Amino acid sequence: LNGFGFADGKFRFKADWTDTPVANDGMRGPWRVMPSLPDYWPVNEDADEDQPFKLATSPARNFLNSTFTQTPTSLSREQRPEVLINPSDAARLGLSQGDVVQLGNKRGRTRLHAHIFGGVKPGVLVSEGIWPPSAFLDGWGINVLVGDDSVAPHGGVAFHDISVWARRA
């Protein structure tokens, strides 16, 4: 490395997003309101009164990728789409192990089974796996809840930031 991509070779701490060349200047997200200096930028989809839970869509232990959702061995180990929910949240919602839960937000809703699990923090739900929509009770997969907002400064998707409501179905 012989310096940085500037005439003087020096690193710039203050970004000028308006002067940053982009190969594909399409959906860039809200780059105009990004901080110019390295800083925390609160652009998360926060939980609120209407959508009090944060949802993590984590990989299942037996599904390396979507190909494995169709293999008999992986299917027998994972069995069905479930939502991991903290026992205190489950009690507050009147849920028991195996109950059908409806998750939803402004994007859509889906139904799956409750798995009461103390390893999940209160206020957080986890739906493991990359199940096809057909594996869900209504045929609507977990991705119906996931946003496709373009992220700054150069696009991409903020698909790991989801707030939802949950209730007994």
N, C-alpha and C. Protein backbone atom coordinates (compact mmCIF):
# COMPACT_ATOMS: atom_id res chain seq x y z
N LEU A 1 0.85 -1.17 0.00
CA LEU A 1 0.00 0.00 0.00
C LEU A 1 0.89 1.23 0.00
N ASN A 2 0.64 2.10 -0.95
CA ASN A 2 1.44 3.32 -1.05
C ASN A 2 0.50 4.52 -0.94
N GLY A 3 -0.07 4.69 0.24
CA GLY A 3 -0.99 5.80 0.45
C GLY A 3 -2.41 5.45 0.04
N PHE A 4 -3.26 6.47 0.05
CA PHE A 4 -4.67 6.30 -0.27
C PHE A 4 -4.99 6.97 -1.60
N GLY A 5 -6.18 6.79 -2.10
CA GLY A 5 -6.55 7.22 -3.44
C GLY A 5 -6.76 8.72 -3.60
N PHE A 6 -5.87 9.50 -3.08
CA PHE A 6 -5.90 10.95 -3.24
C PHE A 6 -4.54 11.41 -3.73
N ALA A 7 -4.48 12.57 -4.34
CA ALA A 7 -3.23 13.08 -4.91
C ALA A 7 -2.10 13.11 -3.88
N ASP A 8 -2.42 13.48 -2.64
CA ASP A 8 -1.37 13.54 -1.61
C ASP A 8 -1.19 12.22 -0.87
N GLY A 9 -1.99 11.20 -1.20
CA GLY A 9 -1.87 9.88 -0.59
C GLY A 9 -2.39 9.78 0.83
N LYS A 10 -2.93 10.87 1.37
CA LYS A 10 -3.39 10.88 2.76
C LYS A 10 -4.83 10.36 2.86
N PHE A 11 -5.14 9.78 4.03
CA PHE A 11 -6.48 9.31 4.32
C PHE A 11 -7.37 10.48 4.68
N ARG A 12 -8.63 10.44 4.28
CA ARG A 12 -9.59 11.51 4.61
C ARG A 12 -10.57 10.99 5.66
N PHE A 13 -10.63 11.66 6.80
CA PHE A 13 -11.60 11.29 7.84
C PHE A 13 -12.98 11.84 7.54
N LYS A 14 -13.05 12.94 6.85
CA LYS A 14 -14.33 13.57 6.54
C LYS A 14 -14.74 13.17 5.12
N ALA A 15 -15.81 12.42 5.05
CA ALA A 15 -16.27 11.95 3.74
C ALA A 15 -17.08 13.02 3.03
N ASP A 16 -16.86 13.12 1.74
CA ASP A 16 -17.68 13.99 0.90
C ASP A 16 -18.48 13.06 -0.02
N TRP A 17 -19.65 12.62 0.48
CA TRP A 17 -20.44 11.65 -0.26
C TRP A 17 -20.93 12.19 -1.59
N THR A 18 -21.06 13.51 -1.72
CA THR A 18 -21.54 14.08 -2.98
C THR A 18 -20.49 13.99 -4.08
N ASP A 19 -19.23 13.84 -3.69
CA ASP A 19 -18.15 13.81 -4.67
C ASP A 19 -17.53 12.41 -4.79
N THR A 20 -18.23 11.41 -4.30
CA THR A 20 -17.72 10.05 -4.34
C THR A 20 -18.25 9.37 -5.60
N PRO A 21 -17.36 8.98 -6.52
CA PRO A 21 -17.84 8.34 -7.75
C PRO A 21 -18.43 6.96 -7.46
N VAL A 22 -19.50 6.65 -8.14
CA VAL A 22 -20.19 5.38 -7.97
C VAL A 22 -20.39 4.76 -9.34
N ALA A 23 -20.03 3.49 -9.46
CA ALA A 23 -20.21 2.81 -10.75
C ALA A 23 -21.68 2.72 -11.12
N ASN A 24 -22.52 2.43 -10.14
CA ASN A 24 -23.96 2.34 -10.38
C ASN A 24 -24.64 3.32 -9.45
N ASP A 25 -24.96 4.49 -9.92
CA ASP A 25 -25.54 5.53 -9.08
C ASP A 25 -27.06 5.41 -9.06
N GLY A 26 -27.52 4.23 -8.71
CA GLY A 26 -28.96 3.99 -8.64
C GLY A 26 -29.47 4.27 -7.24
N MET A 27 -30.13 3.30 -6.66
CA MET A 27 -30.70 3.45 -5.33
C MET A 27 -29.57 3.49 -4.29
N ARG A 28 -29.25 4.67 -3.81
CA ARG A 28 -28.12 4.82 -2.90
C ARG A 28 -28.54 4.93 -1.45
N GLY A 29 -29.80 4.95 -1.13
CA GLY A 29 -30.21 5.13 0.24
C GLY A 29 -30.08 6.58 0.66
N PRO A 30 -30.31 6.88 1.94
CA PRO A 30 -30.31 8.27 2.41
C PRO A 30 -28.91 8.84 2.64
N TRP A 31 -28.08 8.82 1.62
CA TRP A 31 -26.69 9.24 1.78
C TRP A 31 -26.55 10.73 2.07
N ARG A 32 -27.52 11.54 1.68
CA ARG A 32 -27.41 12.99 1.90
C ARG A 32 -27.45 13.36 3.38
N VAL A 33 -28.01 12.50 4.22
CA VAL A 33 -28.09 12.80 5.65
C VAL A 33 -27.08 12.01 6.48
N MET A 34 -26.15 11.33 5.81
CA MET A 34 -25.11 10.61 6.54
C MET A 34 -24.16 11.59 7.22
N PRO A 35 -23.64 11.23 8.40
CA PRO A 35 -22.63 12.09 9.03
C PRO A 35 -21.37 12.13 8.17
N SER A 36 -20.73 13.28 8.11
CA SER A 36 -19.52 13.38 7.29
C SER A 36 -18.29 12.86 8.03
N LEU A 37 -18.34 12.81 9.35
CA LEU A 37 -17.24 12.23 10.13
C LEU A 37 -17.68 10.88 10.68
N PRO A 38 -16.74 9.97 10.93
CA PRO A 38 -17.11 8.67 11.49
C PRO A 38 -17.88 8.86 12.80
N ASP A 39 -19.07 8.32 12.89
CA ASP A 39 -19.92 8.55 14.04
C ASP A 39 -21.03 7.51 14.04
N TYR A 40 -21.74 7.42 15.15
CA TYR A 40 -22.93 6.58 15.22
C TYR A 40 -24.03 7.27 14.43
N TRP A 41 -24.78 6.50 13.66
CA TRP A 41 -25.86 7.05 12.85
C TRP A 41 -27.11 6.21 13.09
N PRO A 42 -28.08 6.71 13.82
CA PRO A 42 -29.24 5.91 14.19
C PRO A 42 -30.24 5.73 13.04
N VAL A 43 -30.00 4.75 12.21
CA VAL A 43 -30.89 4.49 11.07
C VAL A 43 -31.57 3.12 11.19
N ASN A 44 -31.63 2.60 12.42
CA ASN A 44 -32.24 1.29 12.63
C ASN A 44 -33.75 1.36 12.60
N GLU A 45 -34.36 0.24 12.33
CA GLU A 45 -35.81 0.12 12.46
C GLU A 45 -36.07 -0.26 13.92
N ASP A 46 -36.37 0.73 14.74
CA ASP A 46 -36.52 0.50 16.17
C ASP A 46 -37.83 -0.19 16.51
N ALA A 47 -37.79 -0.98 17.57
CA ALA A 47 -39.03 -1.53 18.12
C ALA A 47 -39.81 -0.37 18.73
N ASP A 48 -41.13 -0.45 18.67
CA ASP A 48 -41.97 0.60 19.24
C ASP A 48 -43.24 -0.04 19.80
N GLU A 49 -44.20 0.76 20.17
CA GLU A 49 -45.43 0.24 20.77
C GLU A 49 -46.18 -0.70 19.83
N ASP A 50 -46.19 -0.38 18.53
CA ASP A 50 -46.91 -1.21 17.56
C ASP A 50 -46.13 -2.45 17.14
N GLN A 51 -44.82 -2.34 17.11
CA GLN A 51 -43.94 -3.45 16.71
C GLN A 51 -42.87 -3.59 17.80
N PRO A 52 -43.22 -4.23 18.94
CA PRO A 52 -42.34 -4.22 20.11
C PRO A 52 -41.18 -5.21 20.08
N PHE A 53 -41.10 -6.05 19.07
CA PHE A 53 -40.03 -7.04 19.03
C PHE A 53 -39.05 -6.76 17.90
N LYS A 54 -37.78 -7.09 18.14
CA LYS A 54 -36.77 -7.12 17.08
C LYS A 54 -36.69 -8.58 16.62
N LEU A 55 -36.67 -8.79 15.32
CA LEU A 55 -36.64 -10.14 14.76
C LEU A 55 -35.29 -10.41 14.11
N ALA A 56 -34.67 -11.51 14.51
CA ALA A 56 -33.44 -11.98 13.86
C ALA A 56 -33.80 -13.18 12.99
N THR A 57 -33.36 -13.16 11.74
CA THR A 57 -33.59 -14.28 10.83
C THR A 57 -32.25 -14.99 10.64
N SER A 58 -31.90 -15.78 11.62
CA SER A 58 -30.59 -16.44 11.68
C SER A 58 -30.60 -17.77 10.95
N PRO A 59 -29.44 -18.23 10.49
CA PRO A 59 -29.39 -19.54 9.83
C PRO A 59 -29.72 -20.67 10.81
N ALA A 60 -30.36 -21.69 10.32
CA ALA A 60 -30.61 -22.88 11.14
C ALA A 60 -29.33 -23.71 11.20
N ARG A 61 -29.21 -24.50 12.21
CA ARG A 61 -27.99 -25.30 12.39
C ARG A 61 -27.81 -26.35 11.29
N ASN A 62 -28.89 -26.81 10.70
CA ASN A 62 -28.80 -27.89 9.72
C ASN A 62 -29.04 -27.45 8.28
N PHE A 63 -29.18 -26.15 8.07
CA PHE A 63 -29.34 -25.64 6.71
C PHE A 63 -28.14 -24.76 6.37
N LEU A 64 -27.22 -25.28 5.59
CA LEU A 64 -26.09 -24.47 5.16
C LEU A 64 -26.56 -23.37 4.21
N ASN A 65 -27.46 -23.74 3.33
CA ASN A 65 -28.08 -22.77 2.42
C ASN A 65 -29.43 -23.35 2.01
N SER A 66 -30.12 -22.68 1.10
CA SER A 66 -31.48 -23.09 0.76
C SER A 66 -31.55 -24.48 0.13
N THR A 67 -30.46 -24.97 -0.43
CA THR A 67 -30.45 -26.32 -1.00
C THR A 67 -30.78 -27.35 0.07
N PHE A 68 -30.29 -27.12 1.30
CA PHE A 68 -30.46 -28.10 2.36
C PHE A 68 -31.87 -28.11 2.94
N THR A 69 -32.71 -27.14 2.58
CA THR A 69 -34.09 -27.16 3.06
C THR A 69 -34.90 -28.24 2.34
N GLN A 70 -34.31 -28.88 1.35
CA GLN A 70 -35.01 -29.90 0.58
C GLN A 70 -34.46 -31.30 0.82
N THR A 71 -33.41 -31.44 1.63
CA THR A 71 -32.83 -32.77 1.85
C THR A 71 -33.52 -33.45 3.03
N PRO A 72 -33.81 -34.74 2.92
CA PRO A 72 -34.52 -35.45 3.98
C PRO A 72 -33.83 -35.36 5.35
N THR A 73 -32.51 -35.48 5.37
CA THR A 73 -31.79 -35.43 6.65
C THR A 73 -31.96 -34.08 7.32
N SER A 74 -31.75 -33.00 6.58
CA SER A 74 -31.90 -31.66 7.15
C SER A 74 -33.33 -31.40 7.58
N LEU A 75 -34.28 -31.79 6.77
CA LEU A 75 -35.69 -31.59 7.11
C LEU A 75 -36.07 -32.35 8.38
N SER A 76 -35.56 -33.57 8.53
CA SER A 76 -35.90 -34.35 9.73
C SER A 76 -35.29 -33.73 10.98
N ARG A 77 -34.17 -33.07 10.84
CA ARG A 77 -33.54 -32.43 12.00
C ARG A 77 -34.20 -31.10 12.35
N GLU A 78 -34.55 -30.31 11.37
CA GLU A 78 -35.15 -28.99 11.62
C GLU A 78 -36.66 -29.07 11.80
N GLN A 79 -37.31 -29.96 11.11
CA GLN A 79 -38.74 -30.27 11.17
C GLN A 79 -39.66 -29.19 10.60
N ARG A 80 -39.64 -27.96 11.14
CA ARG A 80 -40.59 -26.94 10.67
C ARG A 80 -40.07 -25.56 11.06
N PRO A 81 -40.55 -24.52 10.40
CA PRO A 81 -40.18 -23.16 10.81
C PRO A 81 -40.76 -22.86 12.20
N GLU A 82 -39.92 -22.31 13.05
CA GLU A 82 -40.35 -21.93 14.40
C GLU A 82 -39.81 -20.55 14.73
N VAL A 83 -40.40 -19.93 15.73
CA VAL A 83 -39.88 -18.67 16.24
C VAL A 83 -39.44 -18.92 17.68
N LEU A 84 -38.17 -18.62 17.96
CA LEU A 84 -37.66 -18.73 19.32
C LEU A 84 -38.10 -17.49 20.09
N ILE A 85 -38.68 -17.71 21.27
CA ILE A 85 -39.22 -16.61 22.04
C ILE A 85 -38.86 -16.80 23.51
N ASN A 86 -38.46 -15.72 24.17
CA ASN A 86 -38.10 -15.75 25.58
C ASN A 86 -39.31 -16.17 26.42
N PRO A 87 -39.10 -16.96 27.47
CA PRO A 87 -40.23 -17.40 28.31
C PRO A 87 -41.06 -16.26 28.89
N SER A 88 -40.45 -15.15 29.27
CA SER A 88 -41.24 -14.03 29.83
C SER A 88 -42.12 -13.39 28.75
N ASP A 89 -41.60 -13.27 27.53
CA ASP A 89 -42.41 -12.74 26.43
C ASP A 89 -43.54 -13.71 26.09
N ALA A 90 -43.23 -15.00 26.09
CA ALA A 90 -44.25 -16.01 25.78
C ALA A 90 -45.37 -15.97 26.82
N ALA A 91 -45.01 -15.85 28.08
CA ALA A 91 -46.02 -15.80 29.14
C ALA A 91 -46.90 -14.56 28.99
N ARG A 92 -46.29 -13.43 28.69
CA ARG A 92 -47.04 -12.19 28.51
C ARG A 92 -48.02 -12.29 27.34
N LEU A 93 -47.63 -13.03 26.30
CA LEU A 93 -48.49 -13.20 25.12
C LEU A 93 -49.42 -14.40 25.24
N GLY A 94 -49.33 -15.14 26.34
CA GLY A 94 -50.18 -16.32 26.52
C GLY A 94 -49.81 -17.47 25.62
N LEU A 95 -48.52 -17.61 25.32
CA LEU A 95 -48.06 -18.66 24.40
C LEU A 95 -47.45 -19.83 25.15
N SER A 96 -47.68 -21.01 24.64
CA SER A 96 -47.06 -22.23 25.14
C SER A 96 -46.22 -22.85 24.03
N GLN A 97 -45.38 -23.78 24.42
CA GLN A 97 -44.52 -24.48 23.45
C GLN A 97 -45.37 -25.08 22.34
N GLY A 98 -45.01 -24.79 21.09
CA GLY A 98 -45.69 -25.36 19.93
C GLY A 98 -46.91 -24.61 19.45
N ASP A 99 -47.35 -23.60 20.20
CA ASP A 99 -48.50 -22.80 19.75
C ASP A 99 -48.19 -22.12 18.42
N VAL A 100 -49.22 -21.88 17.65
CA VAL A 100 -49.06 -21.14 16.40
C VAL A 100 -49.02 -19.65 16.74
N VAL A 101 -48.00 -18.98 16.22
CA VAL A 101 -47.78 -17.56 16.46
C VAL A 101 -47.88 -16.82 15.13
N GLN A 102 -48.51 -15.68 15.15
CA GLN A 102 -48.51 -14.82 13.97
C GLN A 102 -47.54 -13.67 14.23
N LEU A 103 -46.61 -13.49 13.30
CA LEU A 103 -45.68 -12.36 13.33
C LEU A 103 -46.07 -11.43 12.20
N GLY A 104 -45.96 -10.12 12.44
CA GLY A 104 -46.30 -9.19 11.38
C GLY A 104 -45.69 -7.82 11.60
N ASN A 105 -45.77 -7.03 10.55
CA ASN A 105 -45.38 -5.63 10.58
C ASN A 105 -46.04 -4.95 9.38
N LYS A 106 -45.59 -3.74 9.06
CA LYS A 106 -46.22 -3.00 7.96
C LYS A 106 -46.02 -3.67 6.60
N ARG A 107 -45.11 -4.62 6.50
CA ARG A 107 -44.81 -5.28 5.22
C ARG A 107 -45.67 -6.51 4.97
N GLY A 108 -46.06 -7.18 6.04
CA GLY A 108 -46.83 -8.41 5.87
C GLY A 108 -46.94 -9.18 7.17
N ARG A 109 -47.33 -10.44 7.04
CA ARG A 109 -47.47 -11.30 8.22
C ARG A 109 -47.29 -12.74 7.81
N THR A 110 -46.92 -13.55 8.78
CA THR A 110 -46.75 -14.98 8.56
C THR A 110 -47.06 -15.72 9.85
N ARG A 111 -47.29 -17.02 9.73
CA ARG A 111 -47.56 -17.83 10.92
C ARG A 111 -46.55 -18.97 11.00
N LEU A 112 -46.10 -19.25 12.22
CA LEU A 112 -45.19 -20.34 12.49
C LEU A 112 -45.37 -20.77 13.94
N HIS A 113 -44.65 -21.79 14.37
CA HIS A 113 -44.83 -22.35 15.71
C HIS A 113 -43.86 -21.72 16.71
N ALA A 114 -44.33 -21.60 17.96
CA ALA A 114 -43.51 -21.04 19.04
C ALA A 114 -42.57 -22.10 19.60
N HIS A 115 -41.34 -21.68 19.83
CA HIS A 115 -40.36 -22.50 20.54
C HIS A 115 -39.88 -21.65 21.71
N ILE A 116 -40.35 -21.95 22.91
CA ILE A 116 -40.00 -21.17 24.09
C ILE A 116 -38.57 -21.52 24.47
N PHE A 117 -37.71 -20.50 24.56
CA PHE A 117 -36.27 -20.73 24.71
C PHE A 117 -35.65 -19.61 25.54
N GLY A 118 -35.06 -19.97 26.66
CA GLY A 118 -34.45 -19.00 27.56
C GLY A 118 -33.18 -18.35 27.02
N GLY A 119 -32.65 -18.85 25.93
CA GLY A 119 -31.43 -18.30 25.36
C GLY A 119 -31.66 -17.07 24.49
N VAL A 120 -32.90 -16.63 24.39
CA VAL A 120 -33.23 -15.43 23.60
C VAL A 120 -33.55 -14.31 24.58
N LYS A 121 -33.02 -13.13 24.32
CA LYS A 121 -33.29 -11.98 25.19
C LYS A 121 -34.75 -11.56 25.10
N PRO A 122 -35.31 -11.06 26.20
CA PRO A 122 -36.67 -10.50 26.11
C PRO A 122 -36.71 -9.38 25.07
N GLY A 123 -37.78 -9.35 24.29
CA GLY A 123 -37.91 -8.33 23.25
C GLY A 123 -37.30 -8.72 21.92
N VAL A 124 -36.66 -9.89 21.87
CA VAL A 124 -36.04 -10.37 20.63
C VAL A 124 -36.68 -11.70 20.24
N LEU A 125 -37.01 -11.85 18.98
CA LEU A 125 -37.51 -13.11 18.43
C LEU A 125 -36.50 -13.60 17.41
N VAL A 126 -36.35 -14.91 17.30
CA VAL A 126 -35.42 -15.49 16.33
C VAL A 126 -36.16 -16.53 15.51
N SER A 127 -36.14 -16.37 14.20
CA SER A 127 -36.67 -17.38 13.29
C SER A 127 -35.50 -17.97 12.53
N GLU A 128 -35.12 -19.19 12.91
CA GLU A 128 -33.96 -19.81 12.31
C GLU A 128 -34.31 -20.49 10.99
N GLY A 129 -33.37 -20.48 10.09
CA GLY A 129 -33.53 -21.23 8.85
C GLY A 129 -33.73 -20.34 7.65
N ILE A 130 -33.66 -20.95 6.53
CA ILE A 130 -33.94 -20.28 5.26
C ILE A 130 -34.99 -21.12 4.54
N TRP A 131 -36.08 -21.30 5.27
CA TRP A 131 -37.18 -22.12 4.78
C TRP A 131 -37.84 -21.48 3.56
N PRO A 132 -38.29 -22.31 2.62
CA PRO A 132 -39.07 -21.76 1.51
C PRO A 132 -40.44 -21.33 2.02
N PRO A 133 -41.09 -20.40 1.36
CA PRO A 133 -42.42 -19.96 1.80
C PRO A 133 -43.41 -21.11 1.97
N SER A 134 -43.30 -22.14 1.15
CA SER A 134 -44.23 -23.27 1.23
C SER A 134 -44.15 -24.02 2.56
N ALA A 135 -43.07 -23.85 3.32
CA ALA A 135 -42.93 -24.53 4.61
C ALA A 135 -43.72 -23.83 5.72
N PHE A 136 -44.15 -22.59 5.48
CA PHE A 136 -44.90 -21.83 6.48
C PHE A 136 -46.39 -22.15 6.37
N LEU A 137 -47.09 -21.98 7.47
CA LEU A 137 -48.50 -22.38 7.55
C LEU A 137 -49.38 -21.71 6.52
N ASP A 138 -49.11 -20.44 6.19
CA ASP A 138 -49.92 -19.72 5.20
C ASP A 138 -49.25 -19.63 3.84
N GLY A 139 -48.05 -20.20 3.70
CA GLY A 139 -47.33 -20.08 2.45
C GLY A 139 -46.59 -18.76 2.30
N TRP A 140 -46.53 -17.98 3.37
CA TRP A 140 -45.78 -16.71 3.36
C TRP A 140 -44.56 -16.89 4.23
N GLY A 141 -43.38 -16.83 3.64
CA GLY A 141 -42.14 -17.03 4.37
C GLY A 141 -41.76 -15.83 5.23
N ILE A 142 -40.71 -16.00 5.98
CA ILE A 142 -40.25 -14.96 6.91
C ILE A 142 -39.82 -13.70 6.18
N ASN A 143 -39.40 -13.83 4.92
CA ASN A 143 -38.94 -12.66 4.17
C ASN A 143 -40.04 -11.66 3.86
N VAL A 144 -41.31 -12.05 4.05
CA VAL A 144 -42.40 -11.10 3.85
C VAL A 144 -42.31 -9.96 4.87
N LEU A 145 -41.58 -10.19 5.97
CA LEU A 145 -41.44 -9.18 7.03
C LEU A 145 -40.20 -8.31 6.86
N VAL A 146 -39.34 -8.69 5.92
CA VAL A 146 -38.04 -8.06 5.77
C VAL A 146 -38.09 -6.92 4.76
N GLY A 147 -37.54 -5.77 5.13
CA GLY A 147 -37.52 -4.62 4.23
C GLY A 147 -36.47 -4.77 3.15
N ASP A 148 -36.67 -4.02 2.08
CA ASP A 148 -35.69 -4.00 1.00
C ASP A 148 -35.19 -2.57 0.78
N ASP A 149 -35.20 -1.79 1.86
CA ASP A 149 -34.73 -0.41 1.78
C ASP A 149 -33.28 -0.37 1.32
N SER A 150 -32.98 0.52 0.44
CA SER A 150 -31.61 0.69 -0.01
C SER A 150 -30.83 1.42 1.07
N VAL A 151 -29.60 1.00 1.32
CA VAL A 151 -28.80 1.60 2.38
C VAL A 151 -27.72 2.50 1.81
N ALA A 152 -27.40 3.52 2.56
CA ALA A 152 -26.37 4.48 2.15
C ALA A 152 -24.99 3.91 2.49
N PRO A 153 -23.93 4.34 1.84
CA PRO A 153 -23.95 5.38 0.83
C PRO A 153 -24.11 4.85 -0.59
N HIS A 154 -23.96 3.56 -0.82
CA HIS A 154 -23.95 3.07 -2.20
C HIS A 154 -24.89 1.90 -2.45
N GLY A 155 -26.02 1.86 -1.76
CA GLY A 155 -26.98 0.82 -2.02
C GLY A 155 -26.75 -0.42 -1.19
N GLY A 156 -27.41 -1.47 -1.55
CA GLY A 156 -27.42 -2.68 -0.75
C GLY A 156 -28.77 -2.79 -0.06
N VAL A 157 -28.89 -3.74 0.85
CA VAL A 157 -30.17 -3.95 1.52
C VAL A 157 -29.95 -4.08 3.02
N ALA A 158 -30.80 -3.44 3.79
CA ALA A 158 -30.74 -3.51 5.26
C ALA A 158 -31.63 -4.64 5.75
N PHE A 159 -31.33 -5.86 5.35
CA PHE A 159 -32.24 -6.97 5.64
C PHE A 159 -32.05 -7.61 7.00
N HIS A 160 -31.18 -7.08 7.83
CA HIS A 160 -31.01 -7.64 9.17
C HIS A 160 -31.57 -6.71 10.24
N ASP A 161 -32.49 -5.86 9.90
CA ASP A 161 -33.03 -4.88 10.83
C ASP A 161 -34.55 -4.90 10.72
N ILE A 162 -35.19 -5.71 11.56
CA ILE A 162 -36.62 -5.95 11.41
C ILE A 162 -37.33 -5.79 12.76
N SER A 163 -38.39 -5.02 12.79
CA SER A 163 -39.25 -4.92 13.97
C SER A 163 -40.60 -5.55 13.63
N VAL A 164 -41.16 -6.28 14.59
CA VAL A 164 -42.43 -6.98 14.36
C VAL A 164 -43.30 -6.96 15.61
N TRP A 165 -44.56 -7.28 15.41
CA TRP A 165 -45.46 -7.62 16.51
C TRP A 165 -45.64 -9.13 16.49
N ALA A 166 -46.07 -9.68 17.61
CA ALA A 166 -46.31 -11.12 17.71
C ALA A 166 -47.58 -11.34 18.53
N ARG A 167 -48.35 -12.34 18.12
CA ARG A 167 -49.54 -12.70 18.89
C ARG A 167 -49.91 -14.16 18.60
N ARG A 168 -50.67 -14.70 19.51
CA ARG A 168 -51.16 -16.06 19.33
C ARG A 168 -52.10 -16.07 18.13
N ALA A 169 -51.91 -17.02 17.24
CA ALA A 169 -52.73 -17.08 16.03
C ALA A 169 -54.05 -17.79 16.29
